[in-house]
Amino acid sequence: RSNSTCAICHNRIDPLGFALQRYNKSGVYVSATTIEEPPREAELGDDASGPIDTSGKLPSGEAFEGFDGLQRILMESKRYEIIRNAVERTLSYALSRKLEAYDQPTVDTITEKIDETNGSWRDLFVEVALSLPFQKTFLAATPES
């Protein structure tokens, strides 16, 4: 993170990892207040032993403490962005192509509906399946050689 070239990405992704520092590689919550066995990064020269710091700051400037704090930010101020991203990725996958500008009204409609109804993944899949681009898209047959 001290190298400006690397920091471009690490400043965006590292805070998410900081929130998860209290979980081991198996996903089990670690109740100890210090790290007894430094993680792999310590082998590369960083001293990662010592108190567990689960605080972080997102690129948007929002600070949090631990997973609960990050979850609160993601479920409140970032909620719409997360839903929209899930809609875009799901629709793109379902259509087997990148989304284009003309797909944005469909993305907007599905995103708003999922957000307003607190929809589930199932609701998202149903909305994608019922969408105009999904129902009217066809793949041209490839000529057999």
N, C-alpha and C. Protein backbone atom coordinates (compact mmCIF):
# COMPACT_ATOMS: atom_id res chain seq x y z
N ARG A 1 0.82 -1.20 0.00
CA ARG A 1 0.00 0.00 0.00
C ARG A 1 0.85 1.25 0.00
N SER A 2 2.13 1.14 0.36
CA SER A 2 3.00 2.31 0.34
C SER A 2 3.49 2.62 -1.07
N ASN A 3 3.46 1.64 -1.98
CA ASN A 3 3.82 1.85 -3.38
C ASN A 3 2.59 2.43 -4.08
N SER A 4 2.74 3.61 -4.66
CA SER A 4 1.59 4.30 -5.25
C SER A 4 0.93 3.50 -6.37
N THR A 5 1.70 2.74 -7.11
CA THR A 5 1.13 1.92 -8.18
C THR A 5 0.22 0.84 -7.60
N CYS A 6 0.67 0.20 -6.54
CA CYS A 6 -0.11 -0.87 -5.91
C CYS A 6 -1.28 -0.30 -5.10
N ALA A 7 -1.07 0.87 -4.51
CA ALA A 7 -2.08 1.47 -3.63
C ALA A 7 -3.37 1.78 -4.36
N ILE A 8 -3.30 1.99 -5.66
CA ILE A 8 -4.52 2.29 -6.43
C ILE A 8 -5.57 1.21 -6.20
N CYS A 9 -5.15 -0.05 -6.25
CA CYS A 9 -6.09 -1.16 -6.03
C CYS A 9 -6.24 -1.49 -4.55
N HIS A 10 -5.12 -1.52 -3.83
CA HIS A 10 -5.15 -1.94 -2.43
C HIS A 10 -5.96 -1.01 -1.54
N ASN A 11 -6.00 0.27 -1.84
CA ASN A 11 -6.81 1.19 -1.05
C ASN A 11 -8.30 0.91 -1.22
N ARG A 12 -8.66 0.24 -2.31
CA ARG A 12 -10.06 -0.10 -2.55
C ARG A 12 -10.43 -1.45 -1.96
N ILE A 13 -9.52 -2.44 -2.02
CA ILE A 13 -9.87 -3.79 -1.61
C ILE A 13 -9.44 -4.15 -0.20
N ASP A 14 -8.36 -3.57 0.29
CA ASP A 14 -7.86 -3.93 1.62
C ASP A 14 -8.86 -3.70 2.75
N PRO A 15 -9.61 -2.57 2.76
CA PRO A 15 -10.55 -2.35 3.86
C PRO A 15 -11.55 -3.49 4.04
N LEU A 16 -11.95 -4.13 2.94
CA LEU A 16 -12.88 -5.26 3.05
C LEU A 16 -12.22 -6.40 3.82
N GLY A 17 -10.96 -6.63 3.57
CA GLY A 17 -10.22 -7.67 4.28
C GLY A 17 -9.99 -7.31 5.74
N PHE A 18 -9.76 -6.04 6.03
CA PHE A 18 -9.56 -5.62 7.42
C PHE A 18 -10.76 -6.00 8.28
N ALA A 19 -11.95 -5.84 7.73
CA ALA A 19 -13.16 -6.14 8.48
C ALA A 19 -13.26 -7.63 8.82
N LEU A 20 -12.56 -8.46 8.09
CA LEU A 20 -12.64 -9.92 8.28
C LEU A 20 -11.44 -10.48 9.04
N GLN A 21 -10.60 -9.63 9.61
CA GLN A 21 -9.40 -10.09 10.30
C GLN A 21 -9.68 -11.01 11.49
N ARG A 22 -10.87 -10.92 12.06
CA ARG A 22 -11.19 -11.76 13.22
C ARG A 22 -11.66 -13.17 12.82
N TYR A 23 -11.64 -13.47 11.53
CA TYR A 23 -12.03 -14.80 11.05
C TYR A 23 -10.79 -15.49 10.49
N ASN A 24 -10.62 -16.77 10.83
CA ASN A 24 -9.46 -17.47 10.31
C ASN A 24 -9.72 -17.97 8.91
N LYS A 25 -8.76 -18.69 8.33
CA LYS A 25 -8.90 -19.12 6.93
C LYS A 25 -10.03 -20.13 6.74
N SER A 26 -10.53 -20.70 7.83
CA SER A 26 -11.66 -21.63 7.74
C SER A 26 -12.99 -20.92 7.97
N GLY A 27 -12.95 -19.62 8.25
CA GLY A 27 -14.16 -18.85 8.46
C GLY A 27 -14.65 -18.87 9.90
N VAL A 28 -13.82 -19.36 10.82
CA VAL A 28 -14.18 -19.42 12.23
C VAL A 28 -13.78 -18.11 12.90
N TYR A 29 -14.68 -17.58 13.71
CA TYR A 29 -14.42 -16.33 14.43
C TYR A 29 -13.30 -16.53 15.44
N VAL A 30 -12.34 -15.63 15.46
CA VAL A 30 -11.21 -15.70 16.37
C VAL A 30 -11.48 -14.72 17.51
N SER A 31 -11.62 -15.25 18.72
CA SER A 31 -11.96 -14.39 19.85
C SER A 31 -10.72 -13.79 20.51
N ALA A 32 -9.54 -14.25 20.19
CA ALA A 32 -8.32 -13.70 20.76
C ALA A 32 -8.17 -12.24 20.34
N THR A 33 -7.52 -11.45 21.17
CA THR A 33 -7.35 -10.04 20.84
C THR A 33 -6.07 -9.78 20.07
N THR A 34 -5.18 -10.78 20.01
CA THR A 34 -3.95 -10.63 19.25
C THR A 34 -3.76 -11.82 18.32
N ILE A 35 -2.96 -11.61 17.30
CA ILE A 35 -2.63 -12.69 16.38
C ILE A 35 -1.40 -13.39 16.92
N GLU A 36 -1.53 -14.68 17.24
CA GLU A 36 -0.39 -15.42 17.77
C GLU A 36 0.52 -15.90 16.67
N GLU A 37 -0.05 -16.42 15.60
CA GLU A 37 0.73 -16.86 14.46
C GLU A 37 0.49 -15.89 13.32
N PRO A 38 1.52 -15.12 12.95
CA PRO A 38 1.32 -14.14 11.89
C PRO A 38 0.88 -14.81 10.58
N PRO A 39 0.02 -14.16 9.82
CA PRO A 39 -0.39 -14.70 8.53
C PRO A 39 0.76 -14.69 7.53
N ARG A 40 0.52 -15.19 6.37
CA ARG A 40 1.54 -15.34 5.33
C ARG A 40 2.27 -14.03 5.04
N GLU A 41 1.59 -12.91 5.11
CA GLU A 41 2.21 -11.63 4.81
C GLU A 41 3.44 -11.37 5.68
N ALA A 42 3.43 -11.90 6.90
CA ALA A 42 4.56 -11.70 7.79
C ALA A 42 5.80 -12.38 7.24
N GLU A 43 5.62 -13.48 6.54
CA GLU A 43 6.74 -14.17 5.93
C GLU A 43 7.37 -13.32 4.83
N LEU A 44 6.60 -12.41 4.26
CA LEU A 44 7.10 -11.57 3.19
C LEU A 44 7.74 -10.29 3.69
N GLY A 45 7.83 -10.14 5.01
CA GLY A 45 8.51 -8.98 5.56
C GLY A 45 7.67 -8.08 6.42
N ASP A 46 6.35 -8.15 6.34
CA ASP A 46 5.49 -7.32 7.18
C ASP A 46 5.37 -7.98 8.55
N ASP A 47 5.38 -7.18 9.61
CA ASP A 47 5.16 -7.72 10.94
C ASP A 47 3.66 -7.68 11.21
N ALA A 48 3.00 -8.83 11.04
CA ALA A 48 1.55 -8.87 11.19
C ALA A 48 1.12 -9.37 12.56
N SER A 49 2.08 -9.64 13.45
CA SER A 49 1.69 -10.08 14.78
C SER A 49 1.27 -8.86 15.59
N GLY A 50 0.51 -9.09 16.65
CA GLY A 50 0.07 -7.99 17.50
C GLY A 50 -1.43 -7.90 17.54
N PRO A 51 -1.95 -6.76 18.01
CA PRO A 51 -3.40 -6.60 18.15
C PRO A 51 -4.12 -6.73 16.80
N ILE A 52 -5.29 -7.33 16.83
CA ILE A 52 -6.09 -7.46 15.62
C ILE A 52 -6.84 -6.15 15.40
N ASP A 53 -6.59 -5.54 14.25
CA ASP A 53 -7.25 -4.27 13.91
C ASP A 53 -8.26 -4.54 12.81
N THR A 54 -9.52 -4.43 13.13
CA THR A 54 -10.58 -4.70 12.14
C THR A 54 -11.22 -3.42 11.62
N SER A 55 -10.59 -2.30 11.88
CA SER A 55 -11.15 -1.04 11.40
C SER A 55 -10.67 -0.77 9.98
N GLY A 56 -11.40 0.04 9.27
CA GLY A 56 -11.03 0.39 7.91
C GLY A 56 -11.78 1.61 7.44
N LYS A 57 -11.38 2.06 6.28
CA LYS A 57 -12.02 3.24 5.68
C LYS A 57 -12.19 2.95 4.19
N LEU A 58 -13.41 3.05 3.70
CA LEU A 58 -13.70 2.80 2.30
C LEU A 58 -13.24 3.98 1.45
N PRO A 59 -13.03 3.76 0.16
CA PRO A 59 -12.62 4.88 -0.71
C PRO A 59 -13.59 6.05 -0.67
N SER A 60 -14.85 5.80 -0.32
CA SER A 60 -15.84 6.87 -0.23
C SER A 60 -15.65 7.72 1.02
N GLY A 61 -14.74 7.27 1.92
CA GLY A 61 -14.47 8.02 3.14
C GLY A 61 -15.20 7.48 4.36
N GLU A 62 -16.09 6.52 4.17
CA GLU A 62 -16.85 5.95 5.29
C GLU A 62 -15.96 5.02 6.10
N ALA A 63 -15.87 5.30 7.40
CA ALA A 63 -15.04 4.48 8.30
C ALA A 63 -15.92 3.46 9.01
N PHE A 64 -15.32 2.33 9.37
CA PHE A 64 -16.05 1.28 10.06
C PHE A 64 -15.13 0.57 11.04
N GLU A 65 -15.74 -0.15 11.96
CA GLU A 65 -15.02 -0.98 12.92
C GLU A 65 -15.59 -2.39 12.82
N GLY A 66 -14.80 -3.30 12.32
CA GLY A 66 -15.19 -4.70 12.27
C GLY A 66 -16.20 -5.03 11.19
N PHE A 67 -16.53 -6.31 11.11
CA PHE A 67 -17.46 -6.79 10.09
C PHE A 67 -18.83 -6.16 10.25
N ASP A 68 -19.31 -6.01 11.48
CA ASP A 68 -20.63 -5.43 11.70
C ASP A 68 -20.71 -4.00 11.16
N GLY A 69 -19.65 -3.25 11.36
CA GLY A 69 -19.62 -1.87 10.85
C GLY A 69 -19.61 -1.83 9.33
N LEU A 70 -18.82 -2.71 8.72
CA LEU A 70 -18.80 -2.78 7.26
C LEU A 70 -20.15 -3.22 6.73
N GLN A 71 -20.75 -4.21 7.36
CA GLN A 71 -22.06 -4.71 6.93
C GLN A 71 -23.11 -3.59 7.00
N ARG A 72 -23.05 -2.80 8.04
CA ARG A 72 -24.01 -1.69 8.19
C ARG A 72 -23.87 -0.71 7.01
N ILE A 73 -22.64 -0.38 6.63
CA ILE A 73 -22.42 0.52 5.50
C ILE A 73 -22.94 -0.11 4.21
N LEU A 74 -22.61 -1.38 4.00
CA LEU A 74 -23.03 -2.04 2.76
C LEU A 74 -24.54 -2.18 2.67
N MET A 75 -25.20 -2.39 3.79
CA MET A 75 -26.65 -2.59 3.79
C MET A 75 -27.43 -1.27 3.82
N GLU A 76 -26.76 -0.18 4.13
CA GLU A 76 -27.45 1.10 4.18
C GLU A 76 -27.02 2.01 3.03
N SER A 77 -25.87 2.63 3.13
CA SER A 77 -25.49 3.63 2.13
C SER A 77 -25.05 3.02 0.80
N LYS A 78 -24.61 1.79 0.79
CA LYS A 78 -24.16 1.15 -0.46
C LYS A 78 -25.17 0.14 -1.00
N ARG A 79 -26.30 0.02 -0.37
CA ARG A 79 -27.29 -0.99 -0.73
C ARG A 79 -27.70 -0.93 -2.21
N TYR A 80 -28.08 0.24 -2.67
CA TYR A 80 -28.56 0.37 -4.04
C TYR A 80 -27.47 0.00 -5.04
N GLU A 81 -26.24 0.42 -4.77
CA GLU A 81 -25.11 0.10 -5.66
C GLU A 81 -24.87 -1.40 -5.73
N ILE A 82 -24.99 -2.08 -4.60
CA ILE A 82 -24.78 -3.52 -4.56
C ILE A 82 -25.88 -4.25 -5.32
N ILE A 83 -27.11 -3.82 -5.12
CA ILE A 83 -28.23 -4.44 -5.84
C ILE A 83 -28.05 -4.22 -7.35
N ARG A 84 -27.72 -3.02 -7.74
CA ARG A 84 -27.53 -2.71 -9.17
C ARG A 84 -26.42 -3.56 -9.77
N ASN A 85 -25.34 -3.72 -9.05
CA ASN A 85 -24.24 -4.54 -9.54
C ASN A 85 -24.69 -5.99 -9.73
N ALA A 86 -25.43 -6.51 -8.77
CA ALA A 86 -25.94 -7.89 -8.87
C ALA A 86 -26.88 -8.02 -10.07
N VAL A 87 -27.72 -7.03 -10.30
CA VAL A 87 -28.63 -7.05 -11.45
C VAL A 87 -27.83 -7.03 -12.75
N GLU A 88 -26.86 -6.14 -12.85
CA GLU A 88 -26.05 -6.04 -14.07
C GLU A 88 -25.32 -7.34 -14.36
N ARG A 89 -24.69 -7.91 -13.34
CA ARG A 89 -23.93 -9.16 -13.55
C ARG A 89 -24.85 -10.32 -13.91
N THR A 90 -25.98 -10.40 -13.25
CA THR A 90 -26.92 -11.51 -13.52
C THR A 90 -27.51 -11.38 -14.91
N LEU A 91 -27.93 -10.18 -15.29
CA LEU A 91 -28.51 -9.97 -16.62
C LEU A 91 -27.47 -10.23 -17.71
N SER A 92 -26.26 -9.76 -17.52
CA SER A 92 -25.20 -9.99 -18.49
C SER A 92 -24.94 -11.49 -18.67
N TYR A 93 -24.90 -12.21 -17.56
CA TYR A 93 -24.69 -13.66 -17.61
C TYR A 93 -25.86 -14.34 -18.33
N ALA A 94 -27.07 -13.94 -18.02
CA ALA A 94 -28.25 -14.55 -18.62
C ALA A 94 -28.32 -14.29 -20.13
N LEU A 95 -27.84 -13.13 -20.55
CA LEU A 95 -27.88 -12.78 -21.97
C LEU A 95 -26.65 -13.26 -22.73
N SER A 96 -25.67 -13.75 -22.00
CA SER A 96 -24.41 -14.23 -22.60
C SER A 96 -23.69 -13.14 -23.38
N ARG A 97 -23.74 -11.92 -22.85
CA ARG A 97 -23.07 -10.80 -23.52
C ARG A 97 -22.90 -9.64 -22.55
N LYS A 98 -22.03 -8.71 -22.96
CA LYS A 98 -21.89 -7.48 -22.19
C LYS A 98 -23.17 -6.66 -22.33
N LEU A 99 -23.48 -5.93 -21.29
CA LEU A 99 -24.65 -5.05 -21.37
C LEU A 99 -24.30 -3.81 -22.18
N GLU A 100 -25.29 -3.31 -22.90
CA GLU A 100 -25.12 -2.11 -23.72
C GLU A 100 -25.99 -1.00 -23.14
N ALA A 101 -25.85 0.19 -23.69
CA ALA A 101 -26.62 1.34 -23.20
C ALA A 101 -28.12 1.08 -23.27
N TYR A 102 -28.57 0.37 -24.29
CA TYR A 102 -30.00 0.11 -24.44
C TYR A 102 -30.52 -0.90 -23.41
N ASP A 103 -29.63 -1.53 -22.63
CA ASP A 103 -30.05 -2.44 -21.56
C ASP A 103 -30.29 -1.69 -20.24
N GLN A 104 -29.85 -0.45 -20.16
CA GLN A 104 -29.92 0.28 -18.89
C GLN A 104 -31.34 0.48 -18.36
N PRO A 105 -32.34 0.74 -19.20
CA PRO A 105 -33.70 0.84 -18.66
C PRO A 105 -34.15 -0.45 -17.97
N THR A 106 -33.76 -1.59 -18.52
CA THR A 106 -34.10 -2.86 -17.90
C THR A 106 -33.39 -3.01 -16.57
N VAL A 107 -32.11 -2.65 -16.53
CA VAL A 107 -31.33 -2.71 -15.29
C VAL A 107 -31.96 -1.79 -14.25
N ASP A 108 -32.33 -0.57 -14.66
CA ASP A 108 -32.95 0.39 -13.73
C ASP A 108 -34.25 -0.17 -13.15
N THR A 109 -35.09 -0.72 -14.02
CA THR A 109 -36.39 -1.24 -13.58
C THR A 109 -36.23 -2.39 -12.60
N ILE A 110 -35.37 -3.35 -12.93
CA ILE A 110 -35.17 -4.50 -12.05
C ILE A 110 -34.55 -4.06 -10.73
N THR A 111 -33.56 -3.18 -10.79
CA THR A 111 -32.89 -2.70 -9.58
C THR A 111 -33.89 -2.02 -8.64
N GLU A 112 -34.70 -1.15 -9.18
CA GLU A 112 -35.69 -0.44 -8.36
C GLU A 112 -36.69 -1.41 -7.74
N LYS A 113 -37.13 -2.39 -8.51
CA LYS A 113 -38.10 -3.35 -8.00
C LYS A 113 -37.50 -4.20 -6.88
N ILE A 114 -36.28 -4.68 -7.06
CA ILE A 114 -35.63 -5.50 -6.04
C ILE A 114 -35.38 -4.66 -4.78
N ASP A 115 -34.97 -3.42 -4.97
CA ASP A 115 -34.71 -2.54 -3.83
C ASP A 115 -35.99 -2.24 -3.05
N GLU A 116 -37.05 -1.88 -3.75
CA GLU A 116 -38.31 -1.51 -3.10
C GLU A 116 -38.97 -2.67 -2.37
N THR A 117 -38.86 -3.87 -2.94
CA THR A 117 -39.53 -5.04 -2.35
C THR A 117 -38.62 -5.87 -1.46
N ASN A 118 -37.37 -5.39 -1.29
CA ASN A 118 -36.38 -6.15 -0.53
C ASN A 118 -36.28 -7.57 -1.08
N GLY A 119 -36.21 -7.65 -2.41
CA GLY A 119 -36.24 -8.91 -3.12
C GLY A 119 -35.06 -9.83 -2.82
N SER A 120 -35.29 -11.09 -3.08
CA SER A 120 -34.28 -12.13 -2.87
C SER A 120 -33.58 -12.43 -4.20
N TRP A 121 -32.61 -13.35 -4.15
CA TRP A 121 -31.96 -13.80 -5.39
C TRP A 121 -33.00 -14.43 -6.31
N ARG A 122 -33.93 -15.16 -5.74
CA ARG A 122 -34.98 -15.79 -6.56
C ARG A 122 -35.76 -14.73 -7.31
N ASP A 123 -36.11 -13.66 -6.61
CA ASP A 123 -36.84 -12.55 -7.24
C ASP A 123 -36.02 -11.94 -8.38
N LEU A 124 -34.74 -11.80 -8.16
CA LEU A 124 -33.86 -11.25 -9.19
C LEU A 124 -33.87 -12.15 -10.42
N PHE A 125 -33.73 -13.46 -10.22
CA PHE A 125 -33.70 -14.39 -11.35
C PHE A 125 -35.03 -14.37 -12.12
N VAL A 126 -36.14 -14.28 -11.39
CA VAL A 126 -37.45 -14.22 -12.04
C VAL A 126 -37.56 -12.93 -12.86
N GLU A 127 -37.15 -11.81 -12.30
CA GLU A 127 -37.22 -10.53 -13.02
C GLU A 127 -36.35 -10.55 -14.28
N VAL A 128 -35.18 -11.15 -14.18
CA VAL A 128 -34.31 -11.25 -15.36
C VAL A 128 -34.97 -12.13 -16.41
N ALA A 129 -35.53 -13.25 -15.99
CA ALA A 129 -36.18 -14.17 -16.93
C ALA A 129 -37.40 -13.54 -17.60
N LEU A 130 -38.07 -12.63 -16.90
CA LEU A 130 -39.25 -11.97 -17.47
C LEU A 130 -38.91 -10.72 -18.27
N SER A 131 -37.66 -10.31 -18.23
CA SER A 131 -37.26 -9.05 -18.88
C SER A 131 -37.30 -9.17 -20.41
N LEU A 132 -37.53 -8.05 -21.06
CA LEU A 132 -37.58 -7.99 -22.52
C LEU A 132 -36.28 -8.48 -23.16
N PRO A 133 -35.13 -8.01 -22.71
CA PRO A 133 -33.90 -8.49 -23.37
C PRO A 133 -33.73 -10.01 -23.27
N PHE A 134 -34.12 -10.58 -22.15
CA PHE A 134 -33.96 -12.03 -21.99
C PHE A 134 -34.95 -12.78 -22.87
N GLN A 135 -36.16 -12.31 -22.93
CA GLN A 135 -37.18 -13.03 -23.69
C GLN A 135 -37.05 -12.81 -25.20
N LYS A 136 -36.48 -11.70 -25.63
CA LYS A 136 -36.40 -11.40 -27.05
C LYS A 136 -35.00 -11.58 -27.64
N THR A 137 -34.04 -12.01 -26.84
CA THR A 137 -32.71 -12.24 -27.35
C THR A 137 -32.63 -13.60 -27.99
N PHE A 138 -31.96 -13.65 -29.12
CA PHE A 138 -31.74 -14.95 -29.75
C PHE A 138 -30.29 -14.99 -30.21
N LEU A 139 -29.75 -16.16 -30.23
CA LEU A 139 -28.37 -16.33 -30.69
C LEU A 139 -28.42 -16.91 -32.10
N ALA A 140 -27.70 -16.27 -32.99
CA ALA A 140 -27.66 -16.76 -34.37
C ALA A 140 -26.96 -18.10 -34.42
N ALA A 141 -27.47 -18.97 -35.23
CA ALA A 141 -26.87 -20.28 -35.39
C ALA A 141 -25.53 -20.13 -36.08
N THR A 142 -24.57 -20.87 -35.64
CA THR A 142 -23.25 -20.82 -36.29
C THR A 142 -23.23 -21.85 -37.41
N PRO A 143 -22.69 -21.49 -38.55
CA PRO A 143 -22.66 -22.43 -39.68
C PRO A 143 -21.78 -23.63 -39.33
N GLU A 144 -22.26 -24.78 -39.69
CA GLU A 144 -21.48 -25.99 -39.43
C GLU A 144 -20.43 -26.12 -40.52
N SER A 145 -19.25 -26.57 -40.12
CA SER A 145 -18.19 -26.70 -41.11
C SER A 145 -18.05 -28.10 -41.61
